[in-house]
């Protein structure tokens, strides 16, 4: 793919912020997922609520929400967006020794919220790592991906397993 096909480069190949001023304001939604694998004892500690730092999943959820609102401060060419909804579901999965994160972000605006949903998911998982690293430094964050987006000119898109 040439630089001219990438929206964050102008015709001269220079990075720039995309002009969304002429785009219609529509409801936009993005759903992302990711997971963090850990030792069985680490997951048991989280699920029992016995971690000395407090409610690991509750704190991770708040960190993810906060991160979604700071995306434009961290990703250089992202537009700052007024988010209307952020939901982060953190589900312990005992059979696979992991916590699965499913994030939904919404706005009414001129550009999508994919980056905000990805940021929220990643930071929620990193917060779990940070809070539990003293007992399990081998945790692995994996599978961060966009599952679905809707709104805007490009409409609805949904991840299909085996396809990009």
N, C-alpha and C. Protein backbone atom coordinates (compact mmCIF):
# COMPACT_ATOMS: atom_id res chain seq x y z
N UNK A 1 0.85 -1.18 0.00
CA UNK A 1 0.00 0.00 0.00
C UNK A 1 0.89 1.24 0.00
N UNK A 2 0.66 2.13 -0.90
CA UNK A 2 1.46 3.35 -0.97
C UNK A 2 0.97 4.36 0.06
N UNK A 3 1.83 5.34 0.34
CA UNK A 3 1.45 6.36 1.31
C UNK A 3 0.21 7.12 0.86
N UNK A 4 0.01 7.25 -0.45
CA UNK A 4 -1.15 8.00 -0.94
C UNK A 4 -2.47 7.32 -0.59
N UNK A 5 -2.42 6.02 -0.28
CA UNK A 5 -3.64 5.30 0.12
C UNK A 5 -3.91 5.40 1.62
N UNK A 6 -2.99 5.94 2.36
CA UNK A 6 -3.15 6.08 3.80
C UNK A 6 -3.65 7.49 4.11
N UNK A 7 -4.73 7.58 4.87
CA UNK A 7 -5.38 8.88 5.09
C UNK A 7 -4.55 9.85 5.92
N UNK A 8 -3.57 9.36 6.68
CA UNK A 8 -2.79 10.25 7.53
C UNK A 8 -1.55 10.81 6.84
N UNK A 9 -1.46 10.63 5.50
CA UNK A 9 -0.38 11.23 4.72
C UNK A 9 -1.00 12.06 3.62
N UNK A 10 -0.45 13.24 3.39
CA UNK A 10 -0.95 14.08 2.30
C UNK A 10 -0.28 13.67 0.99
N UNK A 11 -0.57 14.39 -0.10
CA UNK A 11 -0.01 14.04 -1.41
C UNK A 11 1.50 14.14 -1.47
N UNK A 12 2.10 14.92 -0.58
CA UNK A 12 3.55 15.05 -0.53
C UNK A 12 4.19 13.99 0.36
N UNK A 13 3.37 13.11 0.93
CA UNK A 13 3.90 12.06 1.81
C UNK A 13 4.15 12.51 3.23
N UNK A 14 3.63 13.68 3.60
CA UNK A 14 3.82 14.21 4.95
C UNK A 14 2.65 13.79 5.85
N UNK A 15 2.98 13.47 7.08
CA UNK A 15 1.93 13.12 8.04
C UNK A 15 1.08 14.35 8.34
N UNK A 16 -0.23 14.14 8.44
CA UNK A 16 -1.13 15.24 8.77
C UNK A 16 -2.39 14.67 9.44
N UNK A 17 -3.10 15.56 10.11
CA UNK A 17 -4.36 15.18 10.72
C UNK A 17 -5.45 15.28 9.66
N UNK A 18 -6.22 14.23 9.51
CA UNK A 18 -7.28 14.19 8.50
C UNK A 18 -8.33 15.25 8.79
N UNK A 19 -8.77 15.95 7.77
CA UNK A 19 -9.83 16.96 7.90
C UNK A 19 -11.17 16.25 7.87
N UNK A 20 -11.87 16.24 9.01
CA UNK A 20 -13.18 15.59 9.08
C UNK A 20 -14.31 16.61 9.11
N UNK A 21 -13.98 17.88 8.86
CA UNK A 21 -14.96 18.96 8.96
C UNK A 21 -16.18 18.82 8.08
N UNK A 22 -16.04 18.17 6.94
CA UNK A 22 -17.17 18.03 6.02
C UNK A 22 -17.93 16.72 6.22
N UNK A 23 -17.48 15.89 7.13
CA UNK A 23 -18.16 14.61 7.35
C UNK A 23 -19.44 14.82 8.16
N UNK A 24 -20.40 13.96 7.92
CA UNK A 24 -21.66 14.02 8.66
C UNK A 24 -21.46 13.55 10.09
N UNK A 25 -22.21 14.15 11.00
CA UNK A 25 -22.22 13.69 12.38
C UNK A 25 -23.16 12.50 12.45
N UNK A 26 -22.60 11.35 12.84
CA UNK A 26 -23.40 10.13 12.99
C UNK A 26 -23.02 9.45 14.30
N UNK A 27 -23.89 8.55 14.75
CA UNK A 27 -23.53 7.75 15.92
C UNK A 27 -22.49 6.73 15.49
N UNK A 28 -21.40 6.66 16.21
CA UNK A 28 -20.30 5.77 15.88
C UNK A 28 -20.00 4.89 17.09
N UNK A 29 -19.79 3.62 16.81
CA UNK A 29 -19.53 2.64 17.85
C UNK A 29 -18.34 1.79 17.44
N UNK A 30 -17.52 1.42 18.41
CA UNK A 30 -16.44 0.47 18.18
C UNK A 30 -16.42 -0.52 19.34
N UNK A 31 -16.22 -1.79 19.00
CA UNK A 31 -16.13 -2.86 20.00
C UNK A 31 -14.80 -3.56 19.80
N UNK A 32 -14.03 -3.66 20.88
CA UNK A 32 -12.70 -4.28 20.84
C UNK A 32 -12.59 -5.34 21.92
N UNK A 33 -11.60 -6.22 21.74
CA UNK A 33 -11.34 -7.22 22.76
C UNK A 33 -9.84 -7.43 22.92
N UNK A 34 -9.50 -8.04 24.01
CA UNK A 34 -8.14 -8.46 24.32
C UNK A 34 -8.19 -9.32 25.56
N UNK A 35 -7.07 -9.90 25.93
CA UNK A 35 -7.05 -10.76 27.12
C UNK A 35 -5.66 -10.71 27.75
N UNK A 36 -5.60 -11.09 29.00
CA UNK A 36 -4.33 -11.24 29.69
C UNK A 36 -4.30 -12.62 30.34
N UNK A 37 -3.32 -13.42 29.94
CA UNK A 37 -3.13 -14.76 30.51
C UNK A 37 -2.26 -14.65 31.74
N UNK A 38 -2.51 -15.52 32.69
CA UNK A 38 -1.76 -15.49 33.95
C UNK A 38 -1.74 -16.86 34.59
N UNK A 39 -0.99 -16.97 35.66
CA UNK A 39 -0.96 -18.22 36.41
C UNK A 39 -2.30 -18.43 37.11
N UNK A 40 -2.69 -19.68 37.32
CA UNK A 40 -3.96 -19.96 37.99
C UNK A 40 -4.07 -19.28 39.36
N UNK A 41 -2.98 -19.23 40.11
CA UNK A 41 -3.02 -18.60 41.44
C UNK A 41 -3.26 -17.10 41.34
N UNK A 42 -2.75 -16.48 40.29
CA UNK A 42 -2.96 -15.04 40.10
C UNK A 42 -4.43 -14.76 39.81
N UNK A 43 -5.01 -15.57 38.94
CA UNK A 43 -6.42 -15.39 38.61
C UNK A 43 -7.29 -15.64 39.85
N UNK A 44 -6.94 -16.64 40.62
CA UNK A 44 -7.70 -16.94 41.85
C UNK A 44 -7.64 -15.76 42.83
N UNK A 45 -6.47 -15.14 42.93
CA UNK A 45 -6.30 -13.97 43.80
C UNK A 45 -7.20 -12.82 43.35
N UNK A 46 -7.25 -12.59 42.04
CA UNK A 46 -8.09 -11.52 41.48
C UNK A 46 -9.56 -11.83 41.76
N UNK A 47 -9.97 -13.06 41.49
CA UNK A 47 -11.38 -13.43 41.63
C UNK A 47 -11.85 -13.41 43.09
N UNK A 48 -10.96 -13.73 44.00
CA UNK A 48 -11.32 -13.73 45.42
C UNK A 48 -11.36 -12.33 46.00
N UNK A 49 -10.78 -11.36 45.28
CA UNK A 49 -10.76 -9.99 45.79
C UNK A 49 -9.78 -9.79 46.91
N UNK A 50 -8.79 -10.67 47.01
CA UNK A 50 -7.84 -10.62 48.12
C UNK A 50 -6.54 -9.92 47.79
N UNK A 51 -6.47 -9.25 46.68
CA UNK A 51 -5.24 -8.56 46.30
C UNK A 51 -5.02 -7.39 47.25
N UNK A 52 -3.79 -7.25 47.74
CA UNK A 52 -3.51 -6.18 48.71
C UNK A 52 -3.68 -4.78 48.13
N UNK A 53 -3.64 -4.64 46.79
CA UNK A 53 -3.82 -3.33 46.16
C UNK A 53 -5.29 -2.98 45.96
N UNK A 54 -6.19 -3.92 46.21
CA UNK A 54 -7.61 -3.62 46.08
C UNK A 54 -8.28 -4.40 44.97
N UNK A 55 -9.41 -3.87 44.51
CA UNK A 55 -10.25 -4.50 43.49
C UNK A 55 -9.58 -4.36 42.13
N UNK A 56 -8.85 -5.38 41.71
CA UNK A 56 -8.06 -5.32 40.48
C UNK A 56 -8.94 -5.02 39.28
N UNK A 57 -10.03 -5.73 39.11
CA UNK A 57 -10.87 -5.54 37.92
C UNK A 57 -11.59 -4.20 37.95
N UNK A 58 -12.02 -3.74 39.10
CA UNK A 58 -12.66 -2.44 39.21
C UNK A 58 -11.71 -1.30 38.86
N UNK A 59 -10.49 -1.39 39.35
CA UNK A 59 -9.50 -0.36 39.06
C UNK A 59 -9.11 -0.41 37.58
N UNK A 60 -8.97 -1.60 37.02
CA UNK A 60 -8.64 -1.75 35.60
C UNK A 60 -9.74 -1.15 34.72
N UNK A 61 -10.98 -1.36 35.12
CA UNK A 61 -12.12 -0.81 34.36
C UNK A 61 -12.05 0.72 34.34
N UNK A 62 -11.82 1.32 35.49
CA UNK A 62 -11.73 2.79 35.58
C UNK A 62 -10.53 3.30 34.77
N UNK A 63 -9.40 2.59 34.84
CA UNK A 63 -8.21 3.00 34.07
C UNK A 63 -8.51 2.97 32.57
N UNK A 64 -9.23 1.95 32.12
CA UNK A 64 -9.58 1.85 30.71
C UNK A 64 -10.49 2.98 30.26
N UNK A 65 -11.47 3.30 31.09
CA UNK A 65 -12.36 4.42 30.77
C UNK A 65 -11.58 5.73 30.70
N UNK A 66 -10.71 5.94 31.66
CA UNK A 66 -9.89 7.15 31.65
C UNK A 66 -9.01 7.21 30.40
N UNK A 67 -8.44 6.08 30.02
CA UNK A 67 -7.57 6.03 28.85
C UNK A 67 -8.32 6.37 27.57
N UNK A 68 -9.55 5.88 27.46
CA UNK A 68 -10.34 6.17 26.26
C UNK A 68 -10.50 7.67 26.07
N UNK A 69 -10.62 8.39 27.16
CA UNK A 69 -10.82 9.84 27.10
C UNK A 69 -9.52 10.59 26.81
N UNK A 70 -8.38 9.92 26.92
CA UNK A 70 -7.06 10.54 26.71
C UNK A 70 -6.42 10.10 25.40
N UNK A 71 -7.13 9.37 24.56
CA UNK A 71 -6.54 8.82 23.35
C UNK A 71 -5.90 9.88 22.48
N UNK A 72 -6.57 10.99 22.25
CA UNK A 72 -6.03 12.04 21.39
C UNK A 72 -4.76 12.67 21.98
N UNK A 73 -4.55 12.55 23.29
CA UNK A 73 -3.33 13.07 23.91
C UNK A 73 -2.14 12.15 23.66
N UNK A 74 -2.41 10.89 23.33
CA UNK A 74 -1.34 9.90 23.20
C UNK A 74 -1.07 9.44 21.78
N UNK A 75 -2.07 9.45 20.93
CA UNK A 75 -1.92 9.05 19.53
C UNK A 75 -1.89 10.35 18.73
N UNK A 76 -0.75 10.69 18.13
CA UNK A 76 -0.55 12.04 17.59
C UNK A 76 -1.60 12.56 16.61
N UNK A 77 -2.16 11.73 15.75
CA UNK A 77 -3.06 12.25 14.72
C UNK A 77 -4.53 11.96 14.99
N UNK A 78 -4.85 11.51 16.19
CA UNK A 78 -6.26 11.27 16.57
C UNK A 78 -6.95 12.58 16.92
N UNK A 79 -8.21 12.64 16.56
CA UNK A 79 -9.03 13.80 16.91
C UNK A 79 -9.55 13.63 18.34
N UNK A 80 -9.59 14.70 19.12
CA UNK A 80 -10.25 14.60 20.44
C UNK A 80 -11.76 14.47 20.23
N UNK A 81 -12.35 13.48 20.89
CA UNK A 81 -13.77 13.19 20.68
C UNK A 81 -14.56 13.27 21.98
N UNK A 82 -15.78 13.78 21.91
CA UNK A 82 -16.66 13.74 23.08
C UNK A 82 -17.34 12.36 23.14
N UNK A 83 -16.87 11.50 24.00
CA UNK A 83 -17.42 10.15 24.08
C UNK A 83 -18.76 10.19 24.81
N UNK A 84 -19.71 9.42 24.30
CA UNK A 84 -21.03 9.37 24.93
C UNK A 84 -21.21 8.12 25.78
N UNK A 85 -20.36 7.11 25.56
CA UNK A 85 -20.49 5.87 26.33
C UNK A 85 -19.20 5.07 26.24
N UNK A 86 -18.75 4.54 27.38
CA UNK A 86 -17.63 3.60 27.42
C UNK A 86 -18.03 2.49 28.39
N UNK A 87 -18.01 1.26 27.89
CA UNK A 87 -18.32 0.10 28.73
C UNK A 87 -17.18 -0.90 28.60
N UNK A 88 -16.65 -1.30 29.73
CA UNK A 88 -15.56 -2.28 29.75
C UNK A 88 -16.01 -3.46 30.60
N UNK A 89 -16.08 -4.62 29.96
CA UNK A 89 -16.43 -5.86 30.66
C UNK A 89 -15.16 -6.69 30.83
N UNK A 90 -14.83 -7.00 32.07
CA UNK A 90 -13.67 -7.83 32.38
C UNK A 90 -14.17 -9.15 32.95
N UNK A 91 -13.93 -10.21 32.21
CA UNK A 91 -14.48 -11.52 32.55
C UNK A 91 -13.36 -12.52 32.84
N UNK A 92 -13.21 -12.94 34.11
CA UNK A 92 -12.24 -14.01 34.39
C UNK A 92 -12.67 -15.30 33.71
N UNK A 93 -11.72 -15.98 33.11
CA UNK A 93 -11.96 -17.25 32.43
C UNK A 93 -11.04 -18.30 33.04
N UNK A 94 -11.59 -19.06 33.98
CA UNK A 94 -10.81 -20.00 34.76
C UNK A 94 -10.20 -21.09 33.88
N UNK A 95 -10.96 -21.59 32.91
CA UNK A 95 -10.48 -22.68 32.06
C UNK A 95 -9.23 -22.32 31.26
N UNK A 96 -9.07 -21.04 30.91
CA UNK A 96 -7.90 -20.61 30.13
C UNK A 96 -6.95 -19.73 30.94
N UNK A 97 -7.20 -19.59 32.24
CA UNK A 97 -6.36 -18.78 33.14
C UNK A 97 -6.10 -17.39 32.58
N UNK A 98 -7.18 -16.69 32.29
CA UNK A 98 -7.03 -15.35 31.75
C UNK A 98 -8.22 -14.48 32.13
N UNK A 99 -8.05 -13.19 31.93
CA UNK A 99 -9.14 -12.23 32.04
C UNK A 99 -9.37 -11.69 30.63
N UNK A 100 -10.60 -11.83 30.16
CA UNK A 100 -10.98 -11.33 28.84
C UNK A 100 -11.59 -9.95 29.01
N UNK A 101 -11.21 -9.04 28.12
CA UNK A 101 -11.73 -7.67 28.15
C UNK A 101 -12.52 -7.40 26.88
N UNK A 102 -13.74 -6.93 27.03
CA UNK A 102 -14.58 -6.53 25.91
C UNK A 102 -14.99 -5.08 26.15
N UNK A 103 -14.64 -4.22 25.20
CA UNK A 103 -14.87 -2.78 25.36
C UNK A 103 -15.77 -2.25 24.25
N UNK A 104 -16.74 -1.44 24.63
CA UNK A 104 -17.62 -0.74 23.68
C UNK A 104 -17.49 0.75 23.94
N UNK A 105 -17.23 1.49 22.87
CA UNK A 105 -17.13 2.95 22.96
C UNK A 105 -18.05 3.56 21.92
N UNK A 106 -18.75 4.65 22.31
CA UNK A 106 -19.67 5.33 21.40
C UNK A 106 -19.45 6.83 21.43
N UNK A 107 -19.79 7.45 20.32
CA UNK A 107 -19.82 8.91 20.22
C UNK A 107 -20.81 9.30 19.14
N UNK A 108 -21.20 10.53 19.13
CA UNK A 108 -21.92 11.14 18.01
C UNK A 108 -20.93 12.14 17.43
N UNK A 109 -20.37 11.81 16.28
CA UNK A 109 -19.33 12.68 15.76
C UNK A 109 -19.03 12.45 14.31
N UNK A 110 -17.90 13.05 13.88
CA UNK A 110 -17.51 13.03 12.48
C UNK A 110 -16.39 12.03 12.19
N UNK A 111 -15.93 11.33 13.20
CA UNK A 111 -14.91 10.31 13.00
C UNK A 111 -15.13 9.20 14.02
N UNK A 112 -14.59 8.03 13.73
CA UNK A 112 -14.86 6.84 14.53
C UNK A 112 -14.12 6.78 15.85
N UNK A 113 -14.49 5.79 16.65
CA UNK A 113 -13.94 5.63 18.00
C UNK A 113 -13.13 4.33 18.15
N UNK A 114 -12.62 3.82 17.03
CA UNK A 114 -11.84 2.59 17.10
C UNK A 114 -10.61 2.74 18.00
N UNK A 115 -9.90 3.84 17.85
CA UNK A 115 -8.68 4.04 18.64
C UNK A 115 -9.01 4.17 20.13
N UNK A 116 -10.12 4.81 20.45
CA UNK A 116 -10.52 4.95 21.84
C UNK A 116 -10.85 3.60 22.46
N UNK A 117 -11.51 2.74 21.70
CA UNK A 117 -11.84 1.40 22.20
C UNK A 117 -10.59 0.54 22.36
N UNK A 118 -9.68 0.62 21.39
CA UNK A 118 -8.42 -0.13 21.49
C UNK A 118 -7.59 0.36 22.68
N UNK A 119 -7.53 1.67 22.85
CA UNK A 119 -6.77 2.24 23.96
C UNK A 119 -7.37 1.81 25.31
N UNK A 120 -8.68 1.86 25.43
CA UNK A 120 -9.33 1.46 26.68
C UNK A 120 -9.04 0.00 27.01
N UNK A 121 -9.13 -0.85 26.01
CA UNK A 121 -8.88 -2.28 26.21
C UNK A 121 -7.45 -2.52 26.66
N UNK A 122 -6.51 -1.94 25.94
CA UNK A 122 -5.10 -2.16 26.25
C UNK A 122 -4.74 -1.64 27.64
N UNK A 123 -5.21 -0.47 27.99
CA UNK A 123 -4.87 0.10 29.30
C UNK A 123 -5.54 -0.67 30.44
N UNK A 124 -6.74 -1.15 30.23
CA UNK A 124 -7.37 -1.99 31.26
C UNK A 124 -6.52 -3.23 31.51
N UNK A 125 -6.05 -3.86 30.44
CA UNK A 125 -5.22 -5.06 30.58
C UNK A 125 -3.86 -4.73 31.18
N UNK A 126 -3.27 -3.62 30.78
CA UNK A 126 -1.99 -3.21 31.37
C UNK A 126 -2.13 -2.90 32.87
N UNK A 127 -3.27 -2.39 33.26
CA UNK A 127 -3.51 -2.11 34.68
C UNK A 127 -3.56 -3.41 35.47
N UNK A 128 -4.20 -4.42 34.91
CA UNK A 128 -4.19 -5.74 35.57
C UNK A 128 -2.76 -6.22 35.72
N UNK A 129 -1.97 -6.09 34.65
CA UNK A 129 -0.56 -6.50 34.73
C UNK A 129 0.15 -5.72 35.84
N UNK A 130 0.00 -4.42 35.85
CA UNK A 130 0.68 -3.59 36.83
C UNK A 130 0.31 -3.98 38.26
N UNK A 131 -0.95 -4.23 38.49
CA UNK A 131 -1.40 -4.56 39.85
C UNK A 131 -0.97 -5.95 40.29
N UNK A 132 -0.72 -6.85 39.34
CA UNK A 132 -0.41 -8.24 39.69
C UNK A 132 1.02 -8.66 39.39
N UNK A 133 1.84 -7.76 38.87
CA UNK A 133 3.19 -8.14 38.45
C UNK A 133 4.06 -8.63 39.61
N UNK A 134 3.77 -8.22 40.82
CA UNK A 134 4.58 -8.67 41.96
C UNK A 134 4.41 -10.18 42.21
N UNK A 135 3.29 -10.73 41.80
CA UNK A 135 3.07 -12.17 42.00
C UNK A 135 3.16 -12.98 40.71
N UNK A 136 3.18 -12.28 39.54
CA UNK A 136 3.19 -13.02 38.26
C UNK A 136 3.74 -12.11 37.15
N UNK A 137 5.05 -12.11 36.99
CA UNK A 137 5.67 -11.26 35.95
C UNK A 137 5.55 -11.86 34.56
N UNK A 138 5.10 -13.11 34.46
CA UNK A 138 5.00 -13.78 33.17
C UNK A 138 3.66 -13.63 32.47
N UNK A 139 2.80 -12.75 32.96
CA UNK A 139 1.50 -12.55 32.32
C UNK A 139 1.70 -12.10 30.87
N UNK A 140 0.77 -12.49 30.00
CA UNK A 140 0.87 -12.16 28.58
C UNK A 140 -0.42 -11.50 28.13
N UNK A 141 -0.29 -10.30 27.57
CA UNK A 141 -1.43 -9.60 26.97
C UNK A 141 -1.48 -10.01 25.51
N UNK A 142 -2.67 -10.40 25.07
CA UNK A 142 -2.78 -10.90 23.70
C UNK A 142 -4.14 -10.60 23.09
N UNK A 143 -4.18 -10.74 21.77
CA UNK A 143 -5.46 -10.70 21.06
C UNK A 143 -6.15 -9.36 21.00
N UNK A 144 -5.40 -8.26 21.15
CA UNK A 144 -6.03 -6.94 21.04
C UNK A 144 -6.48 -6.74 19.61
N UNK A 145 -7.79 -6.51 19.43
CA UNK A 145 -8.30 -6.33 18.07
C UNK A 145 -9.66 -5.65 18.08
N UNK A 146 -9.95 -5.02 16.95
CA UNK A 146 -11.26 -4.47 16.70
C UNK A 146 -12.18 -5.60 16.28
N UNK A 147 -13.32 -5.71 16.92
CA UNK A 147 -14.31 -6.73 16.57
C UNK A 147 -15.39 -6.18 15.65
N UNK A 148 -15.74 -4.92 15.88
CA UNK A 148 -16.85 -4.34 15.13
C UNK A 148 -16.80 -2.83 15.21
N UNK A 149 -17.22 -2.17 14.13
CA UNK A 149 -17.39 -0.72 14.15
C UNK A 149 -18.61 -0.39 13.31
N UNK A 150 -19.27 0.69 13.68
CA UNK A 150 -20.42 1.13 12.91
C UNK A 150 -20.47 2.65 12.89
N UNK A 151 -21.18 3.18 11.91
CA UNK A 151 -21.34 4.62 11.78
C UNK A 151 -20.44 5.19 10.72
N UNK A 152 -20.78 6.37 10.31
CA UNK A 152 -19.97 7.06 9.33
C UNK A 152 -20.19 6.58 7.90
N UNK A 153 -19.43 7.15 6.99
CA UNK A 153 -19.57 6.87 5.57
C UNK A 153 -19.27 5.41 5.24
N UNK A 154 -18.30 4.82 5.93
CA UNK A 154 -17.93 3.43 5.62
C UNK A 154 -18.89 2.42 6.23
N UNK A 155 -19.78 2.86 7.10
CA UNK A 155 -20.83 1.99 7.63
C UNK A 155 -20.35 0.95 8.61
N UNK A 156 -20.97 -0.21 8.53
CA UNK A 156 -20.73 -1.29 9.49
C UNK A 156 -19.62 -2.21 9.01
N UNK A 157 -18.74 -2.59 9.94
CA UNK A 157 -17.68 -3.56 9.68
C UNK A 157 -17.63 -4.51 10.86
N UNK A 158 -17.46 -5.78 10.59
CA UNK A 158 -17.36 -6.76 11.66
C UNK A 158 -16.24 -7.74 11.34
N UNK A 159 -15.44 -8.05 12.37
CA UNK A 159 -14.33 -9.00 12.22
C UNK A 159 -14.91 -10.38 11.89
N UNK A 160 -14.32 -11.01 10.91
CA UNK A 160 -14.66 -12.38 10.56
C UNK A 160 -13.41 -13.21 10.78
N UNK A 161 -13.50 -14.24 11.59
CA UNK A 161 -12.35 -15.08 11.91
C UNK A 161 -11.69 -15.58 10.62
N UNK A 162 -10.37 -15.42 10.55
CA UNK A 162 -9.63 -15.87 9.38
C UNK A 162 -9.49 -14.82 8.30
N UNK A 163 -10.14 -13.68 8.46
CA UNK A 163 -10.02 -12.60 7.47
C UNK A 163 -9.54 -11.33 8.17
N UNK A 164 -8.90 -10.48 7.43
CA UNK A 164 -8.49 -9.17 8.00
C UNK A 164 -9.57 -8.16 7.77
